[in-house]
C-alpha atoms as a PDB file:
ATOM      1  CA  MET A   1       0.000   0.000   0.000  1.00  0.00           C
ATOM      2  CA  GLU A   2       1.258   3.460  -0.914  1.00  0.00           C
ATOM      3  CA  LYS A   3       1.718   5.862   1.992  1.00  0.00           C
ATOM      4  CA  LYS A   4      -0.003   9.185   1.338  1.00  0.00           C
ATOM      5  CA  GLU A   5       1.261  12.450   2.746  1.00  0.00           C
ATOM      6  CA  ILE A   6      -0.371  15.862   2.919  1.00  0.00           C
ATOM      7  CA  VAL A   7       2.097  18.277   1.330  1.00  0.00           C
ATOM      8  CA  GLY A   8       0.043  21.438   0.967  1.00  0.00           C
ATOM      9  CA  VAL A   9      -2.905  23.389   2.259  1.00  0.00           C
ATOM     10  CA  ILE A  10      -4.839  26.405   1.028  1.00  0.00           C
ATOM     11  CA  GLY A  11      -7.840  28.315   2.335  1.00  0.00           C
ATOM     12  CA  LEU A  12     -10.281  30.528   0.455  1.00  0.00           C
ATOM     13  CA  MET A  13     -12.800  32.757   2.224  1.00  0.00           C
ATOM     14  CA  ARG A  14     -15.644  34.702   0.643  1.00  0.00           C
ATOM     15  CA  MET A  15     -15.396  38.285   1.886  1.00  0.00           C
ATOM     16  CA  SER A  16     -18.320  39.664  -0.155  1.00  0.00           C
ATOM     17  CA  PRO A  17     -20.448  38.372  -3.040  1.00  0.00           C
ATOM     18  CA  THR A  18     -17.624  39.192  -5.489  1.00  0.00           C
ATOM     19  CA  SER A  19     -14.470  39.223  -3.341  1.00  0.00           C
ATOM     20  CA  PHE A  20     -12.482  36.332  -1.910  1.00  0.00           C
ATOM     21  CA  ASP A  21      -9.437  36.135   0.345  1.00  0.00           C
ATOM     22  CA  VAL A  22      -6.702  33.465   0.262  1.00  0.00           C
ATOM     23  CA  SER A  23      -6.544  32.865   3.992  1.00  0.00           C
ATOM     24  CA  LYS A  24      -3.707  30.334   4.006  1.00  0.00           C
ATOM     25  CA  LEU A  25      -1.212  28.784   1.623  1.00  0.00           C
ATOM     26  CA  GLY A  26       1.413  26.404   2.897  1.00  0.00           C
ATOM     27  CA  VAL A  27       3.568  23.671   1.415  1.00  0.00           C
ATOM     28  CA  SER A  28       5.563  21.175   3.485  1.00  0.00           C
ATOM     29  CA  ALA A  29       9.326  20.958   3.184  1.00  0.00           C
ATOM     30  CA  SER A  30       8.984  17.688   1.242  1.00  0.00           C
ATOM     31  CA  GLY A  31       6.596  19.356  -1.216  1.00  0.00           C
ATOM     32  CA  LYS A  32       8.548  22.539  -1.904  1.00  0.00           C
ATOM     33  CA  GLY A  33       9.899  23.094  -5.404  1.00  0.00           C
ATOM     34  CA  LYS A  34       7.387  20.754  -7.048  1.00  0.00           C
ATOM     35  CA  GLY A  35       4.793  23.284  -8.185  1.00  0.00           C
ATOM     36  CA  ILE A  36       2.332  22.337  -5.448  1.00  0.00           C
ATOM     37  CA  GLY A  37       1.794  25.914  -4.281  1.00  0.00           C
ATOM     38  CA  LYS A  38       1.074  26.983  -7.850  1.00  0.00           C
ATOM     39  CA  LYS A  39      -1.428  24.152  -8.357  1.00  0.00           C
ATOM     40  CA  LEU A  40      -3.210  24.979  -5.106  1.00  0.00           C
ATOM     41  CA  LEU A  41      -3.394  28.684  -5.923  1.00  0.00           C
ATOM     42  CA  GLU A  42      -4.596  28.017  -9.487  1.00  0.00           C
ATOM     43  CA  ALA A  43      -7.300  25.714  -8.074  1.00  0.00           C
ATOM     44  CA  VAL A  44      -8.698  28.377  -5.722  1.00  0.00           C
ATOM     45  CA  ILE A  45      -8.526  31.028  -8.460  1.00  0.00           C
ATOM     46  CA  HIS A  46     -10.610  28.714 -10.656  1.00  0.00           C
ATOM     47  CA  LEU A  47     -13.028  28.026  -7.792  1.00  0.00           C
ATOM     48  CA  ALA A  48     -13.405  31.736  -7.003  1.00  0.00           C
ATOM     49  CA  LYS A  49     -14.106  32.484 -10.682  1.00  0.00           C
ATOM     50  CA  GLU A  50     -16.785  29.785 -10.734  1.00  0.00           C
ATOM     51  CA  ARG A  51     -18.382  31.415  -7.692  1.00  0.00           C
ATOM     52  CA  GLY A  52     -18.528  34.883  -9.234  1.00  0.00           C
ATOM     53  CA  ALA A  53     -15.357  36.508  -7.918  1.00  0.00           C
ATOM     54  CA  HIS A  54     -14.256  39.853  -9.298  1.00  0.00           C
ATOM     55  CA  THR A  55     -11.186  40.008  -7.029  1.00  0.00           C
ATOM     56  CA  ILE A  56      -9.046  37.748  -4.868  1.00  0.00           C
ATOM     57  CA  GLU A  57      -6.853  39.243  -2.148  1.00  0.00           C
ATOM     58  CA  LEU A  58      -4.224  37.895   0.217  1.00  0.00           C
ATOM     59  CA  ASP A  59      -1.846  38.991   2.958  1.00  0.00           C
ATOM     60  CA  THR A  60       1.798  37.923   2.858  1.00  0.00           C
ATOM     61  CA  ASN A  61       5.307  38.850   3.878  1.00  0.00           C
ATOM     62  CA  SER A  62       7.630  40.148   1.180  1.00  0.00           C
ATOM     63  CA  ARG A  63      10.504  38.132   2.707  1.00  0.00           C
ATOM     64  CA  LEU A  64       8.732  34.940   1.598  1.00  0.00           C
ATOM     65  CA  VAL A  65      10.337  35.289  -1.818  1.00  0.00           C
ATOM     66  CA  PRO A  66       9.089  32.044  -3.446  1.00  0.00           C
ATOM     67  CA  ALA A  67       5.481  32.782  -2.459  1.00  0.00           C
ATOM     68  CA  TYR A  68       5.703  36.472  -3.373  1.00  0.00           C
ATOM     69  CA  THR A  69       7.192  35.587  -6.760  1.00  0.00           C
ATOM     70  CA  LEU A  70       4.419  33.033  -7.383  1.00  0.00           C
ATOM     71  CA  TYR A  71       1.717  35.581  -6.587  1.00  0.00           C
ATOM     72  CA  LYS A  72       3.281  38.077  -8.997  1.00  0.00           C
ATOM     73  CA  LYS A  73       3.567  35.432 -11.757  1.00  0.00           C
ATOM     74  CA  LEU A  74      -0.127  34.609 -11.381  1.00  0.00           C
ATOM     75  CA  GLY A  75      -1.107  38.262 -11.758  1.00  0.00           C
ATOM     76  CA  PHE A  76      -1.445  39.539  -8.194  1.00  0.00           C
ATOM     77  CA  SER A  77      -0.350  43.127  -7.578  1.00  0.00           C
ATOM     78  CA  ASN A  78       0.389  45.037  -4.387  1.00  0.00           C
ATOM     79  CA  ILE A  79      -2.382  47.065  -2.762  1.00  0.00           C
ATOM     80  CA  PRO A  80      -2.470  49.004   0.542  1.00  0.00           C
ATOM     81  CA  ILE A  81      -2.482  46.898   3.720  1.00  0.00           C
ATOM     82  CA  ARG A  82      -5.759  46.908   5.628  1.00  0.00           C
ATOM     83  CA  GLU A  83      -5.818  48.680   8.986  1.00  0.00           C
ATOM     84  CA  ASP A  84      -7.334  45.602  10.661  1.00  0.00           C
ATOM     85  CA  ILE A  85      -4.417  43.361   9.689  1.00  0.00           C
ATOM     86  CA  ARG A  86      -4.615  39.946  11.363  1.00  0.00           C
ATOM     87  CA  TYR A  87      -0.954  38.938  11.473  1.00  0.00           C
ATOM     88  CA  ALA A  88       1.986  40.906  12.882  1.00  0.00           C
ATOM     89  CA  ARG A  89       4.428  39.531  10.277  1.00  0.00           C
ATOM     90  CA  THR A  90       2.296  40.626   7.326  1.00  0.00           C
ATOM     91  CA  ASP A  91       3.862  43.515   5.410  1.00  0.00           C
ATOM     92  CA  THR A  92       2.187  43.104   2.021  1.00  0.00           C
ATOM     93  CA  ARG A  93      -1.389  42.882   0.708  1.00  0.00           C
ATOM     94  CA  MET A  94      -1.983  41.730  -2.846  1.00  0.00           C
ATOM     95  CA  GLN A  95      -4.956  41.555  -5.183  1.00  0.00           C
ATOM     96  CA  LEU A  96      -5.785  39.637  -8.334  1.00  0.00           C
ATOM     97  CA  VAL A  97      -8.392  41.429 -10.445  1.00  0.00           C
ATOM     98  CA  LEU A  98     -10.519  38.913 -12.334  1.00  0.00           C
ATOM     99  CA  VAL A  99     -13.156  41.358 -13.592  1.00  0.00           C
ATOM    100  CA  PRO A 100     -11.905  44.903 -14.173  1.00  0.00           C
ATOM    101  CA  LYS A 101     -14.172  47.637 -12.780  1.00  0.00           C
ATOM    102  CA  SER A 102     -14.496  49.014 -16.309  1.00  0.00           C
ATOM    103  CA  ASN A 103     -16.321  45.786 -17.258  1.00  0.00           C
ATOM    104  CA  LEU A 104     -18.891  46.022 -14.462  1.00  0.00           C
END
């Protein structure tokens, strides 16, 4: 029997009818460098689109270079940090625009 191991986790929260937040993205040491983070993020982007998302946002730390680079590659851009930030180590807020305001 093949032993199965959880190597990644991601959370997606609906913040409004058209806005979602990536609440968590983590990949285990054994899963790093295998594209797992990208697959997880692409899956929640697809799910959010299916559920009517116009934007997806996330909080991160710019020192997490692999994650920050992945977000940029997938189209996320920096936006101002919210005043009610949940995590002390967060120094960056990012947003992926799925439906431009000009199309609404």
